[in-house]
């Protein structure tokens, strides 16, 4: 059951995710229904090799307090990630987890060539597996997310380091945690 807040376009609902220490949903497990800044506080090792998303979308971070490399777990592929390769992980270290805020407005994002929302502009409403092929555009220094939540991948075909962007303005690529403006592909976060 959805409970709507007074903020237009933002839906609040109970979300669940289960982290497993070993591949194929084996070993110690941790069930979460809220953000966790330090998995070690829950007596769960900072090793995660498989994940099941019951509902919503979640971001795992390499370091505590939602810092470091980001890994998205959403409802694509039925929310089942039986190994770290399924979420393009560099290793199995996960130290904090948070839910992605769901925005119910139609998915829409604007990418700008330069910081401060200037230069060449591209507007997206659908998943784009290859930014260069589709728009002759593979660098964005600022992004406006006007609806939905998005994942920016540094490589084409939804591969490589990626960053989760919720509804707001990102004045510079460092605002979304990237070290460069490279954008190879981009897709909408799947909440159901």
Protein backbone atom coordinates (compact mmCIF):
# COMPACT_ATOMS: atom_id res chain seq x y z
CA UNK A 1 0.00 0.00 0.00
CA UNK A 2 1.37 3.44 -0.96
CA UNK A 3 1.32 6.30 1.50
CA UNK A 4 1.74 9.62 -0.26
CA UNK A 5 3.54 12.49 1.42
CA UNK A 6 2.67 16.13 1.00
CA UNK A 7 5.53 16.56 -1.47
CA UNK A 8 4.00 16.32 -4.97
CA UNK A 9 5.41 13.52 -7.07
CA UNK A 10 7.21 11.67 -4.27
CA UNK A 11 5.76 8.34 -3.15
CA UNK A 12 6.66 6.70 0.14
CA UNK A 13 6.22 2.96 0.41
CA UNK A 14 7.73 0.20 2.46
CA UNK A 15 10.80 -1.12 0.71
CA UNK A 16 12.76 -4.29 1.39
CA UNK A 17 16.12 -5.66 0.34
CA UNK A 18 18.08 -8.71 1.50
CA UNK A 19 21.88 -8.87 1.35
CA UNK A 20 23.71 -12.21 1.37
CA UNK A 21 27.34 -12.79 2.28
CA UNK A 22 27.82 -15.47 -0.41
CA UNK A 23 26.85 -15.92 -4.05
CA UNK A 24 23.51 -17.47 -5.03
CA UNK A 25 21.68 -16.14 -1.96
CA UNK A 26 23.66 -18.23 0.54
CA UNK A 27 25.44 -17.59 3.80
CA UNK A 28 24.64 -14.94 6.36
CA UNK A 29 21.83 -12.59 5.38
CA UNK A 30 20.64 -9.15 6.35
CA UNK A 31 17.09 -7.91 5.74
CA UNK A 32 16.73 -4.12 5.48
CA UNK A 33 13.66 -1.92 5.20
CA UNK A 34 15.45 1.37 5.83
CA UNK A 35 18.79 3.07 5.16
CA UNK A 36 21.85 1.71 6.95
CA UNK A 37 24.95 3.93 7.26
CA UNK A 38 27.12 1.12 8.67
CA UNK A 39 26.39 -2.53 7.93
CA UNK A 40 28.87 -3.41 10.68
CA UNK A 41 26.36 -1.97 13.20
CA UNK A 42 23.97 -4.75 12.11
CA UNK A 43 26.66 -7.42 12.71
CA UNK A 44 26.85 -8.05 8.99
CA UNK A 45 30.28 -8.38 7.38
CA UNK A 46 31.25 -5.79 4.80
CA UNK A 47 31.08 -8.54 2.18
CA UNK A 48 28.04 -8.91 -0.02
CA UNK A 49 27.95 -11.33 -2.94
CA UNK A 50 24.23 -11.54 -3.74
CA UNK A 51 21.13 -9.40 -3.25
CA UNK A 52 17.36 -9.84 -3.53
CA UNK A 53 15.18 -6.75 -3.89
CA UNK A 54 11.67 -7.36 -2.60
CA UNK A 55 10.48 -3.85 -3.45
CA UNK A 56 11.81 -0.42 -4.33
CA UNK A 57 15.35 0.34 -5.46
CA UNK A 58 18.50 0.41 -3.36
CA UNK A 59 22.08 1.69 -3.58
CA UNK A 60 24.98 -0.17 -1.99
CA UNK A 61 28.10 1.86 -1.22
CA UNK A 62 31.65 0.63 -0.91
CA UNK A 63 32.24 2.72 2.24
CA UNK A 64 30.28 3.68 5.32
CA UNK A 65 28.02 6.75 5.40
CA UNK A 66 26.99 6.35 1.73
CA UNK A 67 30.41 7.11 0.27
CA UNK A 68 32.54 5.54 -2.45
CA UNK A 69 31.60 3.42 -5.41
CA UNK A 70 27.84 3.02 -5.92
CA UNK A 71 25.96 -0.12 -6.90
CA UNK A 72 22.29 -0.08 -7.91
CA UNK A 73 19.90 -2.89 -7.05
CA UNK A 74 16.46 -2.28 -8.53
CA UNK A 75 13.62 -4.36 -9.95
CA UNK A 76 15.25 -5.03 -13.33
CA UNK A 77 15.87 -8.79 -13.72
CA UNK A 78 13.12 -9.35 -11.09
CA UNK A 79 15.35 -7.80 -8.43
CA UNK A 80 17.60 -10.86 -8.22
CA UNK A 81 21.37 -10.40 -8.22
CA UNK A 82 23.02 -13.78 -7.59
CA UNK A 83 26.60 -12.48 -7.91
CA UNK A 84 28.56 -9.22 -7.87
CA UNK A 85 28.97 -9.28 -11.66
CA UNK A 86 25.21 -8.64 -11.97
CA UNK A 87 25.69 -5.16 -10.52
CA UNK A 88 29.09 -4.40 -12.12
CA UNK A 89 30.96 -4.56 -8.81
CA UNK A 90 34.73 -4.23 -8.56
CA UNK A 91 34.68 -6.50 -5.50
CA UNK A 92 32.33 -7.66 -2.78
CA UNK A 93 32.78 -4.81 -0.29
CA UNK A 94 29.51 -3.13 0.70
CA UNK A 95 29.55 -0.99 3.85
CA UNK A 96 26.33 1.07 3.65
CA UNK A 97 22.97 0.84 1.90
CA UNK A 98 20.16 3.30 1.23
CA UNK A 99 16.88 3.28 -0.66
CA UNK A 100 16.42 5.36 -3.80
CA UNK A 101 13.71 7.99 -3.51
CA UNK A 102 10.90 7.21 -5.89
CA UNK A 103 9.55 10.09 -7.94
CA UNK A 104 6.22 9.39 -9.62
CA UNK A 105 6.56 12.08 -12.30
CA UNK A 106 7.30 10.81 -15.84
CA UNK A 107 11.00 10.01 -16.29
CA UNK A 108 12.84 13.00 -17.74
CA UNK A 109 16.44 14.21 -17.55
CA UNK A 110 18.43 16.98 -19.24
CA UNK A 111 22.17 16.57 -19.79
CA UNK A 112 24.40 19.57 -20.43
CA UNK A 113 27.84 19.66 -21.96
CA UNK A 114 29.20 22.16 -19.42
CA UNK A 115 28.83 22.82 -15.70
CA UNK A 116 26.10 25.22 -14.68
CA UNK A 117 23.59 23.83 -17.23
CA UNK A 118 25.17 25.37 -20.31
CA UNK A 119 26.48 24.20 -23.68
CA UNK A 120 24.94 21.46 -25.80
CA UNK A 121 21.80 19.99 -24.20
CA UNK A 122 20.24 16.54 -24.60
CA UNK A 123 16.87 15.60 -23.10
CA UNK A 124 16.06 11.98 -22.20
CA UNK A 125 12.79 10.24 -21.44
CA UNK A 126 13.84 6.67 -22.25
CA UNK A 127 16.81 4.38 -21.61
CA UNK A 128 19.79 5.10 -23.88
CA UNK A 129 22.27 2.20 -24.23
CA UNK A 130 24.82 4.27 -26.17
CA UNK A 131 24.88 8.06 -25.83
CA UNK A 132 27.48 8.54 -28.58
CA UNK A 133 25.56 6.51 -31.17
CA UNK A 134 22.21 8.11 -30.38
CA UNK A 135 23.20 11.73 -29.73
CA UNK A 136 26.92 12.11 -30.63
CA UNK A 137 27.25 13.04 -26.98
CA UNK A 138 29.29 11.24 -24.32
CA UNK A 139 30.20 13.93 -21.81
CA UNK A 140 27.87 15.72 -19.41
CA UNK A 141 29.16 18.16 -16.83
CA UNK A 142 25.73 18.97 -15.39
CA UNK A 143 22.39 17.17 -15.28
CA UNK A 144 18.85 18.11 -14.30
CA UNK A 145 16.62 15.22 -13.26
CA UNK A 146 13.09 16.51 -13.79
CA UNK A 147 11.27 13.22 -13.20
CA UNK A 148 11.95 9.68 -12.08
CA UNK A 149 15.36 8.45 -10.93
CA UNK A 150 18.20 7.60 -13.32
CA UNK A 151 21.45 5.63 -13.47
CA UNK A 152 24.38 7.18 -15.34
CA UNK A 153 26.97 4.64 -16.58
CA UNK A 154 30.42 5.69 -17.72
CA UNK A 155 30.47 3.03 -20.44
CA UNK A 156 27.95 2.13 -23.18
CA UNK A 157 25.47 -0.71 -22.68
CA UNK A 158 24.95 -0.02 -18.96
CA UNK A 159 28.44 -1.05 -17.91
CA UNK A 160 31.22 0.28 -15.75
CA UNK A 161 31.09 2.67 -12.83
CA UNK A 162 27.63 4.10 -12.37
CA UNK A 163 25.88 6.78 -10.35
CA UNK A 164 22.30 7.07 -9.15
CA UNK A 165 20.61 10.42 -9.80
CA UNK A 166 17.39 11.32 -8.04
CA UNK A 167 15.14 14.28 -8.83
CA UNK A 168 17.24 17.44 -8.45
CA UNK A 169 19.84 19.61 -10.21
CA UNK A 170 23.46 18.41 -10.42
CA UNK A 171 25.55 21.49 -11.23
CA UNK A 172 28.77 19.51 -11.83
CA UNK A 173 29.66 15.82 -12.32
CA UNK A 174 31.26 15.80 -8.86
CA UNK A 175 27.76 16.48 -7.45
CA UNK A 176 26.75 12.93 -8.46
CA UNK A 177 30.06 11.43 -7.27
CA UNK A 178 31.88 11.07 -10.61
CA UNK A 179 35.50 11.98 -11.24
CA UNK A 180 34.91 12.75 -14.91
CA UNK A 181 32.09 13.90 -17.16
CA UNK A 182 32.01 10.67 -19.22
CA UNK A 183 28.49 9.35 -19.85
CA UNK A 184 28.34 6.21 -21.99
CA UNK A 185 24.74 5.16 -21.27
CA UNK A 186 21.83 6.06 -19.05
CA UNK A 187 18.69 4.27 -17.90
CA UNK A 188 15.70 4.78 -15.63
CA UNK A 189 15.67 3.15 -12.19
CA UNK A 190 13.11 0.31 -12.04
CA UNK A 191 10.97 0.44 -8.90
CA UNK A 192 8.58 -2.35 -9.94
